[in-house]
Full PDB file with SEQRES, HELIX, SHEET, SSBOND, CRYST1, ORIGX, SCALE, CONECT and MASTER records, all heavy atoms in Angstrom:
SEQRES   1 A   41  GLY ARG TYR LEU GLY LEU GLY TYR PRO GLY GLY PRO ALA          
SEQRES   2 A   41  ILE ASP ARG ILE ALA MET GLU GLY ASP PRO HIS ALA ILE          
SEQRES   3 A   41  ALA PHE PRO ARG ALA MET TYR ASN ASP GLY LEU ASP PHE          
SEQRES   4 A   41  SER PHE                                                      
HELIX    1 AA1 GLY A   10  ALA A   18  1                                   9    
CRYST1    1.000    1.000    1.000  90.00  90.00  90.00 P 1           1          
ORIGX1      1.000000  0.000000  0.000000        0.00000                         
ORIGX2      0.000000  1.000000  0.000000        0.00000                         
ORIGX3      0.000000  0.000000  1.000000        0.00000                         
SCALE1      1.000000  0.000000  0.000000        0.00000                         
SCALE2      0.000000  1.000000  0.000000        0.00000                         
SCALE3      0.000000  0.000000  1.000000        0.00000                         
ATOM      1  N   GLY A   1       0.818  -1.212   0.000  1.00  0.00           N  
ATOM      2  CA  GLY A   1       0.000   0.000   0.000  1.00  0.00           C  
ATOM      3  C   GLY A   1       0.845   1.252   0.000  1.00  0.00           C  
ATOM      4  O   GLY A   1       0.554   2.224  -0.716  1.00  0.00           O  
ATOM      5  N   ARG A   2       1.924   1.247   0.785  1.00  0.00           N  
ATOM      6  CA  ARG A   2       2.812   2.412   0.832  1.00  0.00           C  
ATOM      7  C   ARG A   2       3.520   2.599  -0.514  1.00  0.00           C  
ATOM      8  O   ARG A   2       3.634   3.727  -1.014  1.00  0.00           O  
ATOM      9  CB  ARG A   2       3.828   2.226   1.961  1.00  0.00           C  
ATOM     10  CG  ARG A   2       4.730   3.428   2.174  1.00  0.00           C  
ATOM     11  CD  ARG A   2       5.394   3.410   3.544  1.00  0.00           C  
ATOM     12  NE  ARG A   2       6.136   2.192   3.797  1.00  0.00           N  
ATOM     13  CZ  ARG A   2       5.830   1.316   4.771  1.00  0.00           C  
ATOM     14  NH1 ARG A   2       4.800   1.530   5.561  1.00  0.00           N  
ATOM     15  NH2 ARG A   2       6.565   0.246   4.961  1.00  0.00           N  
ATOM     16  N   TYR A   3       3.969   1.491  -1.125  1.00  0.00           N  
ATOM     17  CA  TYR A   3       4.669   1.588  -2.416  1.00  0.00           C  
ATOM     18  C   TYR A   3       3.739   2.112  -3.512  1.00  0.00           C  
ATOM     19  O   TYR A   3       4.162   2.864  -4.388  1.00  0.00           O  
ATOM     20  CB  TYR A   3       5.229   0.221  -2.816  1.00  0.00           C  
ATOM     21  CG  TYR A   3       6.005   0.269  -4.111  1.00  0.00           C  
ATOM     22  CD1 TYR A   3       7.301   0.794  -4.150  1.00  0.00           C  
ATOM     23  CD2 TYR A   3       5.438  -0.168  -5.302  1.00  0.00           C  
ATOM     24  CE1 TYR A   3       8.011   0.880  -5.340  1.00  0.00           C  
ATOM     25  CE2 TYR A   3       6.134  -0.086  -6.501  1.00  0.00           C  
ATOM     26  CZ  TYR A   3       7.418   0.438  -6.509  1.00  0.00           C  
ATOM     27  OH  TYR A   3       8.108   0.529  -7.699  1.00  0.00           O  
ATOM     28  N   LEU A   4       2.465   1.710  -3.448  1.00  0.00           N  
ATOM     29  CA  LEU A   4       1.500   2.149  -4.458  1.00  0.00           C  
ATOM     30  C   LEU A   4       0.976   3.562  -4.182  1.00  0.00           C  
ATOM     31  O   LEU A   4       0.147   4.077  -4.942  1.00  0.00           O  
ATOM     32  CB  LEU A   4       0.326   1.168  -4.520  1.00  0.00           C  
ATOM     33  CG  LEU A   4       0.645  -0.254  -5.002  1.00  0.00           C  
ATOM     34  CD1 LEU A   4      -0.606  -1.125  -4.958  1.00  0.00           C  
ATOM     35  CD2 LEU A   4       1.236  -0.235  -6.401  1.00  0.00           C  
ATOM     36  N   GLY A   5       1.439   4.164  -3.092  1.00  0.00           N  
ATOM     37  CA  GLY A   5       1.025   5.529  -2.767  1.00  0.00           C  
ATOM     38  C   GLY A   5      -0.373   5.628  -2.199  1.00  0.00           C  
ATOM     39  O   GLY A   5      -1.029   6.672  -2.298  1.00  0.00           O  
ATOM     40  N   LEU A   6      -0.820   4.540  -1.557  1.00  0.00           N  
ATOM     41  CA  LEU A   6      -2.182   4.499  -1.013  1.00  0.00           C  
ATOM     42  C   LEU A   6      -2.248   4.934   0.442  1.00  0.00           C  
ATOM     43  O   LEU A   6      -3.330   5.008   1.025  1.00  0.00           O  
ATOM     44  CB  LEU A   6      -2.758   3.084  -1.157  1.00  0.00           C  
ATOM     45  CG  LEU A   6      -2.852   2.561  -2.594  1.00  0.00           C  
ATOM     46  CD1 LEU A   6      -3.362   1.121  -2.604  1.00  0.00           C  
ATOM     47  CD2 LEU A   6      -3.753   3.450  -3.437  1.00  0.00           C  
ATOM     48  N   GLY A   7      -1.095   5.200   1.041  1.00  0.00           N  
ATOM     49  CA  GLY A   7      -1.082   5.660   2.429  1.00  0.00           C  
ATOM     50  C   GLY A   7      -1.077   4.539   3.437  1.00  0.00           C  
ATOM     51  O   GLY A   7      -0.960   3.353   3.106  1.00  0.00           O  
ATOM     52  N   TYR A   8      -1.177   4.931   4.708  1.00  0.00           N  
ATOM     53  CA  TYR A   8      -1.160   3.995   5.834  1.00  0.00           C  
ATOM     54  C   TYR A   8      -2.469   4.133   6.621  1.00  0.00           C  
ATOM     55  O   TYR A   8      -2.972   5.242   6.795  1.00  0.00           O  
ATOM     56  CB  TYR A   8       0.035   4.305   6.753  1.00  0.00           C  
ATOM     57  CG  TYR A   8       0.043   3.495   8.022  1.00  0.00           C  
ATOM     58  CD1 TYR A   8       0.587   2.221   8.042  1.00  0.00           C  
ATOM     59  CD2 TYR A   8      -0.517   4.008   9.202  1.00  0.00           C  
ATOM     60  CE1 TYR A   8       0.569   1.462   9.211  1.00  0.00           C  
ATOM     61  CE2 TYR A   8      -0.542   3.257  10.364  1.00  0.00           C  
ATOM     62  CZ  TYR A   8       0.013   1.987  10.357  1.00  0.00           C  
ATOM     63  OH  TYR A   8      -0.005   1.242  11.507  1.00  0.00           O  
ATOM     64  N   PRO A   9      -3.050   3.011   7.069  1.00  0.00           N  
ATOM     65  CA  PRO A   9      -2.614   1.625   6.866  1.00  0.00           C  
ATOM     66  C   PRO A   9      -2.969   1.109   5.476  1.00  0.00           C  
ATOM     67  O   PRO A   9      -3.991   1.500   4.899  1.00  0.00           O  
ATOM     68  CB  PRO A   9      -3.369   0.870   7.960  1.00  0.00           C  
ATOM     69  CG  PRO A   9      -4.602   1.672   8.201  1.00  0.00           C  
ATOM     70  CD  PRO A   9      -4.206   3.110   7.988  1.00  0.00           C  
ATOM     71  N   GLY A  10      -2.132   0.219   4.963  1.00  0.00           N  
ATOM     72  CA  GLY A  10      -2.297  -0.254   3.598  1.00  0.00           C  
ATOM     73  C   GLY A  10      -3.462  -1.204   3.392  1.00  0.00           C  
ATOM     74  O   GLY A  10      -4.069  -1.216   2.320  1.00  0.00           O  
ATOM     75  N   GLY A  11      -3.777  -2.009   4.428  1.00  0.00           N  
ATOM     76  CA  GLY A  11      -4.837  -3.004   4.286  1.00  0.00           C  
ATOM     77  C   GLY A  11      -6.181  -2.439   3.858  1.00  0.00           C  
ATOM     78  O   GLY A  11      -6.732  -2.831   2.823  1.00  0.00           O  
ATOM     79  N   PRO A  12      -6.750  -1.510   4.627  1.00  0.00           N  
ATOM     80  CA  PRO A  12      -8.042  -0.935   4.243  1.00  0.00           C  
ATOM     81  C   PRO A  12      -7.994  -0.203   2.905  1.00  0.00           C  
ATOM     82  O   PRO A  12      -8.956  -0.240   2.134  1.00  0.00           O  
ATOM     83  CB  PRO A  12      -8.349   0.030   5.398  1.00  0.00           C  
ATOM     84  CG  PRO A  12      -7.575  -0.493   6.559  1.00  0.00           C  
ATOM     85  CD  PRO A  12      -6.317  -1.047   5.959  1.00  0.00           C  
ATOM     86  N   ALA A  13      -6.865   0.458   2.626  1.00  0.00           N  
ATOM     87  CA  ALA A  13      -6.742   1.202   1.369  1.00  0.00           C  
ATOM     88  C   ALA A  13      -6.746   0.256   0.175  1.00  0.00           C  
ATOM     89  O   ALA A  13      -7.418   0.505  -0.840  1.00  0.00           O  
ATOM     90  CB  ALA A  13      -5.454   2.036   1.381  1.00  0.00           C  
ATOM     91  N   ILE A  14      -5.998  -0.851   0.280  1.00  0.00           N  
ATOM     92  CA  ILE A  14      -5.977  -1.835  -0.806  1.00  0.00           C  
ATOM     93  C   ILE A  14      -7.345  -2.487  -0.955  1.00  0.00           C  
ATOM     94  O   ILE A  14      -7.825  -2.727  -2.065  1.00  0.00           O  
ATOM     95  CB  ILE A  14      -4.880  -2.886  -0.545  1.00  0.00           C  
ATOM     96  CG1 ILE A  14      -3.497  -2.248  -0.765  1.00  0.00           C  
ATOM     97  CG2 ILE A  14      -5.054  -4.105  -1.456  1.00  0.00           C  
ATOM     98  CD1 ILE A  14      -2.337  -3.159  -0.444  1.00  0.00           C  
ATOM     99  N   ASP A  15      -7.995  -2.783   0.166  1.00  0.00           N  
ATOM    100  CA  ASP A  15      -9.334  -3.381   0.132  1.00  0.00           C  
ATOM    101  C   ASP A  15     -10.294  -2.497  -0.665  1.00  0.00           C  
ATOM    102  O   ASP A  15     -11.075  -2.975  -1.499  1.00  0.00           O  
ATOM    103  CB  ASP A  15      -9.833  -3.554   1.572  1.00  0.00           C  
ATOM    104  CG  ASP A  15     -11.045  -4.479   1.675  1.00  0.00           C  
ATOM    105  OD1 ASP A  15     -11.541  -4.941   0.630  1.00  0.00           O  
ATOM    106  OD2 ASP A  15     -11.495  -4.729   2.802  1.00  0.00           O  
ATOM    107  N   ARG A  16     -10.227  -1.206  -0.440  1.00  0.00           N  
ATOM    108  CA  ARG A  16     -11.139  -0.272  -1.120  1.00  0.00           C  
ATOM    109  C   ARG A  16     -10.853  -0.167  -2.614  1.00  0.00           C  
ATOM    110  O   ARG A  16     -11.747  -0.319  -3.444  1.00  0.00           O  
ATOM    111  CB  ARG A  16     -11.044   1.123  -0.477  1.00  0.00           C  
ATOM    112  CG  ARG A  16     -11.725   1.236   0.880  1.00  0.00           C  
ATOM    113  CD  ARG A  16     -11.817   2.693   1.307  1.00  0.00           C  
ATOM    114  NE  ARG A  16     -10.508   3.305   1.470  1.00  0.00           N  
ATOM    115  CZ  ARG A  16      -9.813   3.304   2.603  1.00  0.00           C  
ATOM    116  NH1 ARG A  16     -10.303   2.690   3.670  1.00  0.00           N  
ATOM    117  NH2 ARG A  16      -8.625   3.895   2.678  1.00  0.00           N  
ATOM    118  N   ILE A  17      -9.601   0.081  -2.965  1.00  0.00           N  
ATOM    119  CA  ILE A  17      -9.284   0.311  -4.376  1.00  0.00           C  
ATOM    120  C   ILE A  17      -9.355  -0.978  -5.185  1.00  0.00           C  
ATOM    121  O   ILE A  17      -9.619  -0.946  -6.405  1.00  0.00           O  
ATOM    122  CB  ILE A  17      -7.902   0.984  -4.526  1.00  0.00           C  
ATOM    123  CG1 ILE A  17      -7.755   1.576  -5.931  1.00  0.00           C  
ATOM    124  CG2 ILE A  17      -6.777   0.004  -4.220  1.00  0.00           C  
ATOM    125  CD1 ILE A  17      -6.516   2.423  -6.111  1.00  0.00           C  
ATOM    126  N   ALA A  18      -9.131  -2.130  -4.538  1.00  0.00           N  
ATOM    127  CA  ALA A  18      -9.178  -3.415  -5.245  1.00  0.00           C  
ATOM    128  C   ALA A  18     -10.568  -3.690  -5.815  1.00  0.00           C  
ATOM    129  O   ALA A  18     -10.709  -4.424  -6.799  1.00  0.00           O  
ATOM    130  CB  ALA A  18      -8.758  -4.543  -4.316  1.00  0.00           C  
ATOM    131  N   MET A  19     -11.583  -3.099  -5.212  1.00  0.00           N  
ATOM    132  CA  MET A  19     -12.949  -3.303  -5.707  1.00  0.00           C  
ATOM    133  C   MET A  19     -13.137  -2.713  -7.104  1.00  0.00           C  
ATOM    134  O   MET A  19     -14.056  -3.092  -7.828  1.00  0.00           O  
ATOM    135  CB  MET A  19     -13.952  -2.674  -4.732  1.00  0.00           C  
ATOM    136  CG  MET A  19     -13.994  -3.358  -3.380  1.00  0.00           C  
ATOM    137  SD  MET A  19     -15.184  -2.588  -2.251  1.00  0.00           S  
ATOM    138  CE  MET A  19     -14.897  -3.543  -0.744  1.00  0.00           C  
ATOM    139  N   GLU A  20     -12.251  -1.804  -7.500  1.00  0.00           N  
ATOM    140  CA  GLU A  20     -12.341  -1.171  -8.813  1.00  0.00           C  
ATOM    141  C   GLU A  20     -11.432  -1.851  -9.838  1.00  0.00           C  
ATOM    142  O   GLU A  20     -11.447  -1.485 -11.021  1.00  0.00           O  
ATOM    143  CB  GLU A  20     -11.947   0.308  -8.699  1.00  0.00           C  
ATOM    144  CG  GLU A  20     -12.748   1.099  -7.675  1.00  0.00           C  
ATOM    145  CD  GLU A  20     -12.155   2.469  -7.401  1.00  0.00           C  
ATOM    146  OE1 GLU A  20     -11.239   2.875  -8.158  1.00  0.00           O  
ATOM    147  OE2 GLU A  20     -12.591   3.124  -6.437  1.00  0.00           O  
ATOM    148  N   GLY A  21     -10.628  -2.812  -9.412  1.00  0.00           N  
ATOM    149  CA  GLY A  21      -9.649  -3.434 -10.299  1.00  0.00           C  
ATOM    150  C   GLY A  21      -9.993  -4.852 -10.707  1.00  0.00           C  
ATOM    151  O   GLY A  21     -10.967  -5.446 -10.232  1.00  0.00           O  
ATOM    152  N   ASP A  22      -9.155  -5.400 -11.581  1.00  0.00           N  
ATOM    153  CA  ASP A  22      -9.298  -6.774 -12.079  1.00  0.00           C  
ATOM    154  C   ASP A  22      -8.346  -7.674 -11.305  1.00  0.00           C  
ATOM    155  O   ASP A  22      -7.123  -7.556 -11.455  1.00  0.00           O  
ATOM    156  CB  ASP A  22      -8.969  -6.804 -13.568  1.00  0.00           C  
ATOM    157  CG  ASP A  22      -9.051  -8.213 -14.159  1.00  0.00           C  
ATOM    158  OD1 ASP A  22      -9.394  -9.158 -13.413  1.00  0.00           O  
ATOM    159  OD2 ASP A  22      -8.765  -8.365 -15.368  1.00  0.00           O  
ATOM    160  N   PRO A  23      -8.877  -8.588 -10.481  1.00  0.00           N  
ATOM    161  CA  PRO A  23      -8.001  -9.444  -9.671  1.00  0.00           C  
ATOM    162  C   PRO A  23      -7.191 -10.449 -10.480  1.00  0.00           C  
ATOM    163  O   PRO A  23      -6.282 -11.083  -9.945  1.00  0.00           O  
ATOM    164  CB  PRO A  23      -8.984 -10.159  -8.740  1.00  0.00           C  
ATOM    165  CG  PRO A  23     -10.281 -10.149  -9.477  1.00  0.00           C  
ATOM    166  CD  PRO A  23     -10.303  -8.855 -10.235  1.00  0.00           C  
ATOM    167  N   HIS A  24      -7.512 -10.592 -11.763  1.00  0.00           N  
ATOM    168  CA  HIS A  24      -6.786 -11.534 -12.618  1.00  0.00           C  
ATOM    169  C   HIS A  24      -5.948 -10.821 -13.674  1.00  0.00           C  
ATOM    170  O   HIS A  24      -5.444 -11.456 -14.605  1.00  0.00           O  
ATOM    171  CB  HIS A  24      -7.788 -12.483 -13.304  1.00  0.00           C  
ATOM    172  CG  HIS A  24      -8.700 -13.179 -12.337  1.00  0.00           C  
ATOM    173  ND1 HIS A  24      -8.237 -14.101 -11.422  1.00  0.00           N  
ATOM    174  CD2 HIS A  24     -10.034 -13.055 -12.117  1.00  0.00           C  
ATOM    175  CE1 HIS A  24      -9.251 -14.543 -10.686  1.00  0.00           C  
ATOM    176  NE2 HIS A  24     -10.353 -13.913 -11.089  1.00  0.00           N  
ATOM    177  N   ALA A  25      -5.773  -9.523 -13.494  1.00  0.00           N  
ATOM    178  CA  ALA A  25      -5.007  -8.743 -14.469  1.00  0.00           C  
ATOM    179  C   ALA A  25      -3.532  -9.122 -14.454  1.00  0.00           C  
ATOM    180  O   ALA A  25      -2.871  -9.126 -15.500  1.00  0.00           O  
ATOM    181  CB  ALA A  25      -5.172  -7.249 -14.183  1.00  0.00           C  
ATOM    182  N   ILE A  26      -3.006  -9.445 -13.288  1.00  0.00           N  
ATOM    183  CA  ILE A  26      -1.580  -9.755 -13.131  1.00  0.00           C  
ATOM    184  C   ILE A  26      -1.449 -11.064 -12.362  1.00  0.00           C  
ATOM    185  O   ILE A  26      -2.050 -11.228 -11.298  1.00  0.00           O  
ATOM    186  CB  ILE A  26      -0.845  -8.634 -12.369  1.00  0.00           C  
ATOM    187  CG1 ILE A  26      -1.122  -7.271 -13.032  1.00  0.00           C  
ATOM    188  CG2 ILE A  26       0.659  -8.914 -12.318  1.00  0.00           C  
ATOM    189  CD1 ILE A  26      -0.869  -6.092 -12.134  1.00  0.00           C  
ATOM    190  N   ALA A  27      -0.673 -11.981 -12.899  1.00  0.00           N  
ATOM    191  CA  ALA A  27      -0.505 -13.302 -12.264  1.00  0.00           C  
ATOM    192  C   ALA A  27       0.639 -13.251 -11.261  1.00  0.00           C  
ATOM    193  O   ALA A  27       1.768 -13.687 -11.546  1.00  0.00           O  
ATOM    194  CB  ALA A  27      -0.246 -14.364 -13.324  1.00  0.00           C  
ATOM    195  N   PHE A  28       0.368 -12.698 -10.073  1.00  0.00           N  
ATOM    196  CA  PHE A  28       1.395 -12.647  -9.047  1.00  0.00           C  
ATOM    197  C   PHE A  28       1.616 -14.043  -8.448  1.00  0.00           C  
ATOM    198  O   PHE A  28       0.687 -14.863  -8.410  1.00  0.00           O  
ATOM    199  CB  PHE A  28       1.001 -11.667  -7.950  1.00  0.00           C  
ATOM    200  CG  PHE A  28       1.143 -10.221  -8.339  1.00  0.00           C  
ATOM    201  CD1 PHE A  28       0.096  -9.320  -8.161  1.00  0.00           C  
ATOM    202  CD2 PHE A  28       2.330  -9.748  -8.879  1.00  0.00           C  
ATOM    203  CE1 PHE A  28       0.220  -7.986  -8.526  1.00  0.00           C  
ATOM    204  CE2 PHE A  28       2.475  -8.411  -9.247  1.00  0.00           C  
ATOM    205  CZ  PHE A  28       1.414  -7.540  -9.072  1.00  0.00           C  
ATOM    206  N   PRO A  29       2.828 -14.322  -7.956  1.00  0.00           N  
ATOM    207  CA  PRO A  29       3.141 -15.662  -7.443  1.00  0.00           C  
ATOM    208  C   PRO A  29       2.434 -15.975  -6.126  1.00  0.00           C  
ATOM    209  O   PRO A  29       2.101 -15.077  -5.355  1.00  0.00           O  
ATOM    210  CB  PRO A  29       4.659 -15.606  -7.249  1.00  0.00           C  
ATOM    211  CG  PRO A  29       4.954 -14.154  -7.009  1.00  0.00           C  
ATOM    212  CD  PRO A  29       3.989 -13.415  -7.899  1.00  0.00           C  
ATOM    213  N   ARG A  30       2.210 -17.276  -5.899  1.00  0.00           N  
ATOM    214  CA  ARG A  30       1.669 -17.782  -4.639  1.00  0.00           C  
ATOM    215  C   ARG A  30       2.747 -18.664  -4.006  1.00  0.00           C  
ATOM    216  O   ARG A  30       2.804 -19.866  -4.263  1.00  0.00           O  
ATOM    217  CB  ARG A  30       0.413 -18.621  -4.850  1.00  0.00           C  
ATOM    218  CG  ARG A  30      -0.882 -17.815  -4.923  1.00  0.00           C  
ATOM    219  CD  ARG A  30      -1.129 -17.300  -6.314  1.00  0.00           C  
ATOM    220  NE  ARG A  30      -2.544 -16.944  -6.497  1.00  0.00           N  
ATOM    221  CZ  ARG A  30      -2.948 -15.940  -7.257  1.00  0.00           C  
ATOM    222  NH1 ARG A  30      -2.061 -15.192  -7.913  1.00  0.00           N  
ATOM    223  NH2 ARG A  30      -4.239 -15.689  -7.390  1.00  0.00           N  
ATOM    224  N   ALA A  31       3.617 -18.054  -3.203  1.00  0.00           N  
ATOM    225  CA  ALA A  31       4.742 -18.796  -2.621  1.00  0.00           C  
ATOM    226  C   ALA A  31       4.255 -19.899  -1.687  1.00  0.00           C  
ATOM    227  O   ALA A  31       3.312 -19.714  -0.921  1.00  0.00           O  
ATOM    228  CB  ALA A  31       5.659 -17.840  -1.863  1.00  0.00           C  
ATOM    229  N   MET A  32       4.901 -21.070  -1.774  1.00  0.00           N  
ATOM    230  CA  MET A  32       4.630 -22.216  -0.885  1.00  0.00           C  
ATOM    231  C   MET A  32       3.172 -22.673  -0.967  1.00  0.00           C  
ATOM    232  O   MET A  32       2.651 -23.266  -0.027  1.00  0.00           O  
ATOM    233  CB  MET A  32       5.004 -21.866   0.564  1.00  0.00           C  
ATOM    234  CG  MET A  32       6.449 -21.426   0.731  1.00  0.00           C  
ATOM    235  SD  MET A  32       6.875 -20.973   2.431  1.00  0.00           S  
ATOM    236  CE  MET A  32       6.785 -22.583   3.235  1.00  0.00           C  
ATOM    237  N   TYR A  33       2.527 -22.414  -2.080  1.00  0.00           N  
ATOM    238  CA  TYR A  33       1.097 -22.705  -2.226  1.00  0.00           C  
ATOM    239  C   TYR A  33       0.771 -24.175  -1.968  1.00  0.00           C  
ATOM    240  O   TYR A  33      -0.225 -24.499  -1.321  1.00  0.00           O  
ATOM    241  CB  TYR A  33       0.654 -22.314  -3.638  1.00  0.00           C  
ATOM    242  CG  TYR A  33      -0.836 -22.379  -3.873  1.00  0.00           C  
ATOM    243  CD1 TYR A  33      -1.672 -21.351  -3.438  1.00  0.00           C  
ATOM    244  CD2 TYR A  33      -1.403 -23.454  -4.549  1.00  0.00           C  
ATOM    245  CE1 TYR A  33      -3.040 -21.389  -3.664  1.00  0.00           C  
ATOM    246  CE2 TYR A  33      -2.778 -23.502  -4.777  1.00  0.00           C  
ATOM    247  CZ  TYR A  33      -3.583 -22.475  -4.338  1.00  0.00           C  
ATOM    248  OH  TYR A  33      -4.936 -22.525  -4.554  1.00  0.00           O  
ATOM    249  N   ASN A  34       1.621 -25.057  -2.471  1.00  0.00           N  
ATOM    250  CA  ASN A  34       1.369 -26.491  -2.325  1.00  0.00           C  
ATOM    251  C   ASN A  34       2.261 -27.146  -1.277  1.00  0.00           C  
ATOM    252  O   ASN A  34       2.320 -28.378  -1.194  1.00  0.00           O  
ATOM    253  CB  ASN A  34       1.572 -27.197  -3.680  1.00  0.00           C  
ATOM    254  CG  ASN A  34       0.559 -26.738  -4.711  1.00  0.00           C  
ATOM    255  OD1 ASN A  34      -0.638 -26.717  -4.457  1.00  0.00           O  
ATOM    256  ND2 ASN A  34       1.052 -26.359  -5.897  1.00  0.00           N  
ATOM    257  N   ASP A  35       2.954 -26.332  -0.496  1.00  0.00           N  
ATOM    258  CA  ASP A  35       3.919 -26.863   0.474  1.00  0.00           C  
ATOM    259  C   ASP A  35       3.460 -26.635   1.909  1.00  0.00           C  
ATOM    260  O   ASP A  35       3.620 -25.541   2.460  1.00  0.00           O  
ATOM    261  CB  ASP A  35       5.289 -26.198   0.273  1.00  0.00           C  
ATOM    262  CG  ASP A  35       5.847 -26.434  -1.123  1.00  0.00           C  
ATOM    263  OD1 ASP A  35       5.532 -27.477  -1.699  1.00  0.00           O  
ATOM    264  OD2 ASP A  35       6.580 -25.565  -1.620  1.00  0.00           O  
ATOM    265  N   GLY A  36       2.872 -27.634   2.524  1.00  0.00           N  
ATOM    266  CA  GLY A  36       2.553 -27.589   3.940  1.00  0.00           C  
ATOM    267  C   GLY A  36       1.613 -26.471   4.331  1.00  0.00           C  
ATOM    268  O   GLY A  36       0.764 -26.027   3.558  1.00  0.00           O  
ATOM    269  N   LEU A  37       1.797 -25.978   5.560  1.00  0.00           N  
ATOM    270  CA  LEU A  37       0.892 -24.983   6.121  1.00  0.00           C  
ATOM    271  C   LEU A  37       1.593 -23.674   6.494  1.00  0.00           C  
ATOM    272  O   LEU A  37       0.984 -22.800   7.099  1.00  0.00           O  
ATOM    273  CB  LEU A  37       0.190 -25.562   7.362  1.00  0.00           C  
ATOM    274  CG  LEU A  37      -0.708 -26.787   7.098  1.00  0.00           C  
ATOM    275  CD1 LEU A  37      -1.257 -27.341   8.417  1.00  0.00           C  
ATOM    276  CD2 LEU A  37      -1.849 -26.442   6.156  1.00  0.00           C  
ATOM    277  N   ASP A  38       2.865 -23.547   6.132  1.00  0.00           N  
ATOM    278  CA  ASP A  38       3.569 -22.297   6.383  1.00  0.00           C  
ATOM    279  C   ASP A  38       3.309 -21.308   5.250  1.00  0.00           C  
ATOM    280  O   ASP A  38       2.871 -21.681   4.154  1.00  0.00           O  
ATOM    281  CB  ASP A  38       5.074 -22.540   6.529  1.00  0.00           C  
ATOM    282  CG  ASP A  38       5.434 -23.186   7.863  1.00  0.00           C  
ATOM    283  OD1 ASP A  38       4.668 -22.981   8.836  1.00  0.00           O  
ATOM    284  OD2 ASP A  38       6.456 -23.887   7.935  1.00  0.00           O  
ATOM    285  N   PHE A  39       3.614 -20.032   5.519  1.00  0.00           N  
ATOM    286  CA  PHE A  39       3.346 -18.960   4.569  1.00  0.00           C  
ATOM    287  C   PHE A  39       4.626 -18.182   4.258  1.00  0.00           C  
ATOM    288  O   PHE A  39       5.566 -18.166   5.048  1.00  0.00           O  
ATOM    289  CB  PHE A  39       2.332 -17.966   5.145  1.00  0.00           C  
ATOM    290  CG  PHE A  39       1.025 -18.568   5.558  1.00  0.00           C  
ATOM    291  CD1 PHE A  39       0.840 -19.073   6.849  1.00  0.00           C  
ATOM    292  CD2 PHE A  39      -0.040 -18.630   4.673  1.00  0.00           C  
ATOM    293  CE1 PHE A  39      -0.373 -19.618   7.243  1.00  0.00           C  
ATOM    294  CE2 PHE A  39      -1.257 -19.172   5.054  1.00  0.00           C  
ATOM    295  CZ  PHE A  39      -1.429 -19.671   6.340  1.00  0.00           C  
ATOM    296  N   SER A  40       4.625 -17.508   3.103  1.00  0.00           N  
ATOM    297  CA  SER A  40       5.703 -16.593   2.750  1.00  0.00           C  
ATOM    298  C   SER A  40       5.112 -15.497   1.871  1.00  0.00           C  
ATOM    299  O   SER A  40       4.520 -15.780   0.827  1.00  0.00           O  
ATOM    300  CB  SER A  40       6.822 -17.325   1.994  1.00  0.00           C  
ATOM    301  OG  SER A  40       7.771 -16.399   1.501  1.00  0.00           O  
ATOM    302  N   PHE A  41       5.275 -14.240   2.287  1.00  0.00           N  
ATOM    303  CA  PHE A  41       4.722 -13.123   1.525  1.00  0.00           C  
ATOM    304  C   PHE A  41       5.778 -12.116   1.067  1.00  0.00           C  
ATOM    305  O   PHE A  41       5.462 -11.160   0.362  1.00  0.00           O  
ATOM    306  CB  PHE A  41       3.657 -12.402   2.360  1.00  0.00           C  
ATOM    307  CG  PHE A  41       2.456 -13.258   2.659  1.00  0.00           C  
ATOM    308  CD1 PHE A  41       2.249 -13.763   3.944  1.00  0.00           C  
ATOM    309  CD2 PHE A  41       1.552 -13.586   1.664  1.00  0.00           C  
ATOM    310  CE1 PHE A  41       1.160 -14.555   4.222  1.00  0.00           C  
ATOM    311  CE2 PHE A  41       0.452 -14.388   1.928  1.00  0.00           C  
ATOM    312  CZ  PHE A  41       0.246 -14.881   3.212  1.00  0.00           C  
TER     313      PHE A  41                                                      
MASTER        0    0    0    1    0    0    0    6  312    1    0    4          
END                                                                             
């Protein structure tokens, strides 16, 4: 959110603007998607 210039906190700002965008426009990676229950962002 900060990098995109949406301000702080980034969560609510991204939630709001994402409603106007295409969630499939860019194929961002899903790290460790098929590996266990740990996460990496």
